[in-house]
């Protein structure tokens, strides 16, 4: 089994927008082109996340398929709770609401729109039996 985390390109773009000392990158066409077209994230702010690759959700499964893995699931780690960080403690403190929220989050974690706006993606896959010589 394989469990691999990814940051989507739009998550890297949103974090750049959220951090005041990184917003200047948004005015650099080359920064935006590298990130949005190629997935390459380069940040020159010391002490921060400096380099990364932002995946497109639709690229993750085919990438692992090429290296002999079968995708079991691709999930948004936040599902429908993206942007609800301030509300989640109250929602989860109420047992009846917590159950409903968790059920909805699990149900929609594979929703394509949730994948596109996830902060992180979780790939779950299994190595093909024939790739192991079994």
N, C-alpha and C. Protein backbone atom coordinates (compact mmCIF):
# COMPACT_ATOMS: atom_id res chain seq x y z
N UNK A 1 0.84 -1.18 0.00
CA UNK A 1 0.00 0.00 0.00
C UNK A 1 0.88 1.24 0.00
N UNK A 2 0.37 2.28 -0.62
CA UNK A 2 1.07 3.56 -0.64
C UNK A 2 0.09 4.65 -0.24
N UNK A 3 0.54 5.54 0.64
CA UNK A 3 -0.21 6.71 1.03
C UNK A 3 0.72 7.89 0.79
N UNK A 4 0.37 8.76 -0.16
CA UNK A 4 1.27 9.85 -0.55
C UNK A 4 0.48 11.16 -0.55
N UNK A 5 1.05 12.19 0.07
CA UNK A 5 0.42 13.50 0.12
C UNK A 5 0.95 14.42 -0.97
N UNK A 6 0.08 15.26 -1.47
CA UNK A 6 0.42 16.25 -2.51
C UNK A 6 -0.21 17.59 -2.16
N UNK A 7 0.43 18.65 -2.60
CA UNK A 7 -0.20 19.97 -2.56
C UNK A 7 -0.64 20.31 -3.98
N UNK A 8 -1.90 20.66 -4.16
CA UNK A 8 -2.34 21.08 -5.48
C UNK A 8 -1.80 22.48 -5.82
N UNK A 9 -1.74 22.75 -7.10
CA UNK A 9 -1.25 24.06 -7.56
C UNK A 9 -2.06 25.20 -6.97
N UNK A 10 -3.37 25.04 -6.93
CA UNK A 10 -4.19 26.13 -6.41
C UNK A 10 -3.96 26.35 -4.92
N UNK A 11 -3.57 25.32 -4.18
CA UNK A 11 -3.25 25.50 -2.77
C UNK A 11 -1.99 26.35 -2.61
N UNK A 12 -1.01 26.11 -3.47
CA UNK A 12 0.21 26.94 -3.43
C UNK A 12 -0.10 28.38 -3.82
N UNK A 13 -0.98 28.56 -4.78
CA UNK A 13 -1.39 29.92 -5.16
C UNK A 13 -2.13 30.60 -4.02
N UNK A 14 -3.06 29.89 -3.35
CA UNK A 14 -3.80 30.47 -2.24
C UNK A 14 -2.89 30.83 -1.08
N UNK A 15 -1.88 29.99 -0.78
CA UNK A 15 -0.98 30.32 0.33
C UNK A 15 -0.17 31.56 0.00
N UNK A 16 0.21 31.72 -1.27
CA UNK A 16 0.93 32.92 -1.68
C UNK A 16 0.05 34.16 -1.49
N UNK A 17 -1.22 34.04 -1.83
CA UNK A 17 -2.15 35.16 -1.66
C UNK A 17 -2.38 35.48 -0.18
N UNK A 18 -2.33 34.46 0.67
CA UNK A 18 -2.63 34.63 2.09
C UNK A 18 -1.49 35.28 2.88
N UNK A 19 -0.26 35.14 2.41
CA UNK A 19 0.89 35.64 3.16
C UNK A 19 1.35 36.99 2.61
N UNK A 20 1.21 38.02 3.41
CA UNK A 20 1.46 39.39 2.95
C UNK A 20 2.84 39.57 2.32
N UNK A 21 3.88 38.97 2.91
CA UNK A 21 5.22 39.17 2.37
C UNK A 21 5.52 38.31 1.14
N UNK A 22 4.57 37.47 0.73
CA UNK A 22 4.75 36.67 -0.49
C UNK A 22 3.85 37.15 -1.63
N UNK A 23 2.92 38.02 -1.36
CA UNK A 23 1.95 38.46 -2.37
C UNK A 23 2.61 39.13 -3.57
N UNK A 24 3.76 39.70 -3.39
CA UNK A 24 4.45 40.36 -4.50
C UNK A 24 4.72 39.39 -5.65
N UNK A 25 4.80 38.09 -5.34
CA UNK A 25 5.01 37.08 -6.39
C UNK A 25 3.86 37.08 -7.40
N UNK A 26 2.67 37.47 -6.96
CA UNK A 26 1.50 37.48 -7.84
C UNK A 26 1.64 38.49 -8.97
N UNK A 27 2.53 39.46 -8.80
CA UNK A 27 2.76 40.48 -9.82
C UNK A 27 3.83 40.07 -10.82
N UNK A 28 4.42 38.89 -10.60
CA UNK A 28 5.46 38.39 -11.49
C UNK A 28 4.87 37.34 -12.43
N UNK A 29 4.67 37.68 -13.71
CA UNK A 29 4.09 36.72 -14.65
C UNK A 29 4.85 35.39 -14.70
N UNK A 30 6.18 35.44 -14.56
CA UNK A 30 6.97 34.21 -14.61
C UNK A 30 6.63 33.29 -13.43
N UNK A 31 6.43 33.86 -12.25
CA UNK A 31 6.04 33.07 -11.08
C UNK A 31 4.72 32.36 -11.34
N UNK A 32 3.73 33.12 -11.83
CA UNK A 32 2.42 32.54 -12.09
C UNK A 32 2.47 31.48 -13.17
N UNK A 33 3.23 31.73 -14.24
CA UNK A 33 3.36 30.75 -15.33
C UNK A 33 4.00 29.47 -14.83
N UNK A 34 5.10 29.60 -14.08
CA UNK A 34 5.77 28.40 -13.54
C UNK A 34 4.84 27.58 -12.68
N UNK A 35 4.09 28.27 -11.82
CA UNK A 35 3.22 27.57 -10.89
C UNK A 35 2.00 26.97 -11.60
N UNK A 36 1.29 27.79 -12.34
CA UNK A 36 0.02 27.33 -12.89
C UNK A 36 0.18 26.43 -14.11
N UNK A 37 1.18 26.65 -14.93
CA UNK A 37 1.37 25.82 -16.11
C UNK A 37 2.22 24.59 -15.82
N UNK A 38 3.25 24.76 -15.00
CA UNK A 38 4.21 23.67 -14.78
C UNK A 38 4.16 23.07 -13.38
N UNK A 39 3.53 23.74 -12.45
CA UNK A 39 3.46 23.24 -11.07
C UNK A 39 4.66 23.60 -10.22
N UNK A 40 5.63 24.32 -10.80
CA UNK A 40 6.87 24.65 -10.07
C UNK A 40 6.66 25.86 -9.17
N UNK A 41 6.94 25.68 -7.88
CA UNK A 41 6.79 26.74 -6.90
C UNK A 41 8.17 27.11 -6.37
N UNK A 42 8.55 28.36 -6.55
CA UNK A 42 9.82 28.87 -6.04
C UNK A 42 9.53 30.12 -5.22
N UNK A 43 10.00 30.13 -4.00
CA UNK A 43 9.75 31.24 -3.10
C UNK A 43 11.08 31.68 -2.49
N UNK A 44 11.36 32.97 -2.54
CA UNK A 44 12.63 33.49 -2.03
C UNK A 44 12.53 34.10 -0.63
N UNK A 45 11.42 33.90 0.06
CA UNK A 45 11.27 34.45 1.41
C UNK A 45 11.99 33.50 2.39
N UNK A 46 13.03 34.00 3.07
CA UNK A 46 13.80 33.15 3.98
C UNK A 46 12.93 32.54 5.09
N UNK A 47 13.24 31.29 5.40
CA UNK A 47 12.54 30.62 6.48
C UNK A 47 11.17 30.10 6.13
N UNK A 48 10.78 30.18 4.88
CA UNK A 48 9.46 29.71 4.45
C UNK A 48 9.60 28.50 3.55
N UNK A 49 8.48 27.98 3.16
CA UNK A 49 8.40 26.91 2.18
C UNK A 49 8.99 27.48 0.89
N UNK A 50 10.15 26.97 0.45
CA UNK A 50 10.88 27.62 -0.64
C UNK A 50 10.71 26.98 -2.00
N UNK A 51 10.53 25.67 -2.08
CA UNK A 51 10.41 24.99 -3.36
C UNK A 51 9.36 23.89 -3.24
N UNK A 52 8.66 23.67 -4.32
CA UNK A 52 7.68 22.60 -4.30
C UNK A 52 7.11 22.35 -5.67
N UNK A 53 6.36 21.28 -5.77
CA UNK A 53 5.65 20.97 -6.99
C UNK A 53 4.18 20.89 -6.65
N UNK A 54 3.39 21.67 -7.35
CA UNK A 54 1.94 21.65 -7.18
C UNK A 54 1.33 20.73 -8.23
N UNK A 55 0.68 19.70 -7.76
CA UNK A 55 0.08 18.72 -8.67
C UNK A 55 -1.31 19.17 -9.11
N UNK A 56 -1.70 18.70 -10.26
CA UNK A 56 -3.10 18.81 -10.68
C UNK A 56 -3.73 17.49 -10.26
N UNK A 57 -4.90 17.52 -9.65
CA UNK A 57 -5.51 16.28 -9.20
C UNK A 57 -5.61 15.21 -10.29
N UNK A 58 -5.91 15.62 -11.51
CA UNK A 58 -6.07 14.65 -12.60
C UNK A 58 -4.76 14.02 -13.05
N UNK A 59 -3.62 14.54 -12.61
CA UNK A 59 -2.32 13.97 -12.97
C UNK A 59 -1.82 12.90 -12.00
N UNK A 60 -2.36 12.88 -10.81
CA UNK A 60 -1.84 12.02 -9.76
C UNK A 60 -2.02 10.53 -10.09
N UNK A 61 -3.23 10.12 -10.43
CA UNK A 61 -3.49 8.72 -10.76
C UNK A 61 -2.64 8.21 -11.91
N UNK A 62 -2.60 8.92 -13.06
CA UNK A 62 -1.76 8.46 -14.17
C UNK A 62 -0.27 8.39 -13.82
N UNK A 63 0.22 9.29 -12.97
CA UNK A 63 1.62 9.24 -12.57
C UNK A 63 1.92 7.90 -11.88
N UNK A 64 1.09 7.54 -10.92
CA UNK A 64 1.31 6.30 -10.19
C UNK A 64 1.03 5.07 -11.05
N UNK A 65 0.12 5.20 -11.99
CA UNK A 65 -0.15 4.11 -12.92
C UNK A 65 1.11 3.75 -13.72
N UNK A 66 1.89 4.75 -14.09
CA UNK A 66 3.13 4.53 -14.85
C UNK A 66 4.17 3.75 -14.05
N UNK A 67 4.09 3.82 -12.74
CA UNK A 67 5.08 3.11 -11.92
C UNK A 67 4.43 1.92 -11.21
N UNK A 68 3.43 1.34 -11.87
CA UNK A 68 2.82 0.07 -11.48
C UNK A 68 2.02 0.10 -10.17
N UNK A 69 1.31 1.20 -9.94
CA UNK A 69 0.39 1.27 -8.82
C UNK A 69 -1.03 1.45 -9.34
N UNK A 70 -1.96 0.83 -8.67
CA UNK A 70 -3.38 1.04 -8.95
C UNK A 70 -3.93 1.98 -7.89
N UNK A 71 -4.59 3.03 -8.35
CA UNK A 71 -5.15 4.00 -7.43
C UNK A 71 -6.41 3.43 -6.78
N UNK A 72 -6.45 3.44 -5.48
CA UNK A 72 -7.63 3.03 -4.73
C UNK A 72 -8.50 4.25 -4.41
N UNK A 73 -7.84 5.39 -4.16
CA UNK A 73 -8.58 6.61 -3.86
C UNK A 73 -7.66 7.81 -4.01
N UNK A 74 -8.23 8.93 -4.38
CA UNK A 74 -7.57 10.23 -4.32
C UNK A 74 -8.53 11.11 -3.54
N UNK A 75 -8.06 11.62 -2.41
CA UNK A 75 -8.93 12.31 -1.46
C UNK A 75 -8.44 13.72 -1.17
N UNK A 76 -9.37 14.61 -0.94
CA UNK A 76 -9.05 15.91 -0.37
C UNK A 76 -8.96 15.69 1.14
N UNK A 77 -7.83 16.03 1.74
CA UNK A 77 -7.69 15.79 3.17
C UNK A 77 -8.66 16.65 3.99
N UNK A 78 -9.10 17.76 3.42
CA UNK A 78 -10.04 18.63 4.13
C UNK A 78 -11.48 18.43 3.66
N UNK A 79 -11.65 17.82 2.49
CA UNK A 79 -12.96 17.61 1.90
C UNK A 79 -13.74 18.94 1.88
N UNK A 80 -14.96 18.91 2.34
CA UNK A 80 -15.79 20.11 2.28
C UNK A 80 -15.51 21.09 3.42
N UNK A 81 -14.56 20.77 4.29
CA UNK A 81 -14.27 21.65 5.42
C UNK A 81 -13.24 22.73 5.11
N UNK A 82 -12.77 22.82 3.85
CA UNK A 82 -11.84 23.88 3.47
C UNK A 82 -12.46 25.23 3.83
N UNK A 83 -11.71 26.04 4.54
CA UNK A 83 -12.19 27.37 4.91
C UNK A 83 -13.03 27.39 6.18
N UNK A 84 -13.26 26.24 6.80
CA UNK A 84 -14.08 26.19 8.01
C UNK A 84 -13.25 26.02 9.28
N UNK A 85 -11.96 26.32 9.22
CA UNK A 85 -11.08 26.09 10.36
C UNK A 85 -11.59 26.77 11.63
N UNK A 86 -12.14 27.96 11.50
CA UNK A 86 -12.63 28.67 12.69
C UNK A 86 -13.93 28.07 13.23
N UNK A 87 -14.74 27.50 12.35
CA UNK A 87 -16.03 26.94 12.76
C UNK A 87 -15.93 25.49 13.23
N UNK A 88 -14.91 24.77 12.80
CA UNK A 88 -14.81 23.34 13.11
C UNK A 88 -14.82 23.01 14.61
N UNK A 89 -14.11 23.76 15.44
CA UNK A 89 -14.16 23.41 16.88
C UNK A 89 -15.59 23.41 17.43
N UNK A 90 -16.41 24.39 17.04
CA UNK A 90 -17.80 24.42 17.51
C UNK A 90 -18.61 23.28 16.90
N UNK A 91 -18.42 23.03 15.61
CA UNK A 91 -19.15 21.94 14.96
C UNK A 91 -18.82 20.59 15.58
N UNK A 92 -17.55 20.36 15.86
CA UNK A 92 -17.13 19.06 16.39
C UNK A 92 -17.40 18.91 17.88
N UNK A 93 -17.63 20.01 18.58
CA UNK A 93 -17.94 19.95 20.02
C UNK A 93 -19.35 19.41 20.26
N UNK A 94 -20.22 19.60 19.30
CA UNK A 94 -21.60 19.11 19.39
C UNK A 94 -21.65 17.71 18.77
N UNK A 95 -21.93 16.67 19.58
CA UNK A 95 -21.85 15.29 19.10
C UNK A 95 -22.72 15.03 17.88
N UNK A 96 -23.93 15.56 17.85
CA UNK A 96 -24.81 15.30 16.70
C UNK A 96 -24.29 16.01 15.46
N UNK A 97 -23.81 17.23 15.60
CA UNK A 97 -23.23 17.94 14.46
C UNK A 97 -21.92 17.30 14.03
N UNK A 98 -21.11 16.88 14.98
CA UNK A 98 -19.82 16.26 14.65
C UNK A 98 -20.03 15.04 13.77
N UNK A 99 -20.98 14.23 14.11
CA UNK A 99 -21.27 13.03 13.32
C UNK A 99 -21.70 13.40 11.90
N UNK A 100 -22.57 14.37 11.77
CA UNK A 100 -23.03 14.80 10.45
C UNK A 100 -21.90 15.40 9.63
N UNK A 101 -21.09 16.26 10.26
CA UNK A 101 -19.99 16.91 9.55
C UNK A 101 -18.96 15.88 9.09
N UNK A 102 -18.59 14.95 9.97
CA UNK A 102 -17.63 13.92 9.60
C UNK A 102 -18.17 13.02 8.49
N UNK A 103 -19.44 12.68 8.57
CA UNK A 103 -20.06 11.86 7.53
C UNK A 103 -20.03 12.57 6.18
N UNK A 104 -20.37 13.85 6.17
CA UNK A 104 -20.34 14.63 4.92
C UNK A 104 -18.92 14.78 4.39
N UNK A 105 -17.98 15.03 5.29
CA UNK A 105 -16.58 15.19 4.87
C UNK A 105 -16.07 13.90 4.23
N UNK A 106 -16.39 12.77 4.81
CA UNK A 106 -15.95 11.49 4.24
C UNK A 106 -16.64 11.25 2.90
N UNK A 107 -17.93 11.52 2.84
CA UNK A 107 -18.69 11.27 1.62
C UNK A 107 -18.16 12.09 0.43
N UNK A 108 -17.74 13.32 0.69
CA UNK A 108 -17.34 14.21 -0.40
C UNK A 108 -15.83 14.39 -0.57
N UNK A 109 -15.04 13.61 0.12
CA UNK A 109 -13.58 13.74 0.03
C UNK A 109 -13.05 13.41 -1.36
N UNK A 110 -13.80 12.63 -2.16
CA UNK A 110 -13.37 12.28 -3.53
C UNK A 110 -14.04 13.16 -4.59
N UNK A 111 -14.89 14.06 -4.18
CA UNK A 111 -15.60 14.93 -5.11
C UNK A 111 -14.58 15.75 -5.92
N UNK A 112 -14.68 15.73 -7.26
CA UNK A 112 -13.69 16.48 -8.07
C UNK A 112 -13.54 17.95 -7.68
N UNK A 113 -14.63 18.61 -7.34
CA UNK A 113 -14.51 20.02 -6.96
C UNK A 113 -13.76 20.17 -5.63
N UNK A 114 -13.92 19.22 -4.72
CA UNK A 114 -13.18 19.25 -3.46
C UNK A 114 -11.70 19.00 -3.71
N UNK A 115 -11.38 18.11 -4.66
CA UNK A 115 -9.98 17.83 -4.97
C UNK A 115 -9.29 19.09 -5.51
N UNK A 116 -9.97 19.83 -6.34
CA UNK A 116 -9.38 21.02 -6.95
C UNK A 116 -9.08 22.12 -5.96
N UNK A 117 -9.85 22.18 -4.87
CA UNK A 117 -9.64 23.25 -3.90
C UNK A 117 -9.07 22.75 -2.57
N UNK A 118 -8.56 21.54 -2.58
CA UNK A 118 -7.97 20.97 -1.36
C UNK A 118 -6.69 21.70 -0.98
N UNK A 119 -6.41 21.72 0.29
CA UNK A 119 -5.10 22.20 0.76
C UNK A 119 -4.06 21.11 0.50
N UNK A 120 -4.49 19.87 0.66
CA UNK A 120 -3.64 18.71 0.41
C UNK A 120 -4.47 17.58 -0.18
N UNK A 121 -3.81 16.78 -1.00
CA UNK A 121 -4.44 15.58 -1.57
C UNK A 121 -3.77 14.36 -0.96
N UNK A 122 -4.53 13.30 -0.78
CA UNK A 122 -3.99 12.04 -0.30
C UNK A 122 -4.25 10.98 -1.36
N UNK A 123 -3.15 10.44 -1.91
CA UNK A 123 -3.24 9.34 -2.86
C UNK A 123 -3.14 8.04 -2.07
N UNK A 124 -4.05 7.12 -2.35
CA UNK A 124 -4.00 5.78 -1.74
C UNK A 124 -3.93 4.80 -2.90
N UNK A 125 -2.89 3.99 -2.91
CA UNK A 125 -2.72 3.04 -4.01
C UNK A 125 -2.11 1.73 -3.55
N UNK A 126 -2.14 0.79 -4.47
CA UNK A 126 -1.58 -0.53 -4.19
C UNK A 126 -0.70 -0.93 -5.37
N UNK A 127 0.46 -1.44 -5.05
CA UNK A 127 1.39 -1.94 -6.07
C UNK A 127 0.73 -3.11 -6.79
N UNK A 128 0.81 -3.13 -8.11
CA UNK A 128 0.23 -4.23 -8.89
C UNK A 128 0.97 -5.53 -8.57
N UNK A 129 0.21 -6.58 -8.46
CA UNK A 129 0.79 -7.89 -8.14
C UNK A 129 1.82 -8.31 -9.17
N UNK A 130 1.56 -8.08 -10.46
CA UNK A 130 2.51 -8.49 -11.50
C UNK A 130 3.79 -7.65 -11.46
N UNK A 131 3.75 -6.46 -10.86
CA UNK A 131 4.95 -5.62 -10.75
C UNK A 131 5.90 -6.14 -9.68
N UNK A 132 5.38 -6.92 -8.75
CA UNK A 132 6.22 -7.49 -7.68
C UNK A 132 6.74 -8.87 -8.05
N UNK A 133 6.33 -9.34 -9.21
CA UNK A 133 6.75 -10.68 -9.62
C UNK A 133 5.89 -11.76 -9.00
N UNK A 134 4.71 -11.38 -8.48
CA UNK A 134 3.81 -12.35 -7.83
C UNK A 134 2.79 -12.84 -8.82
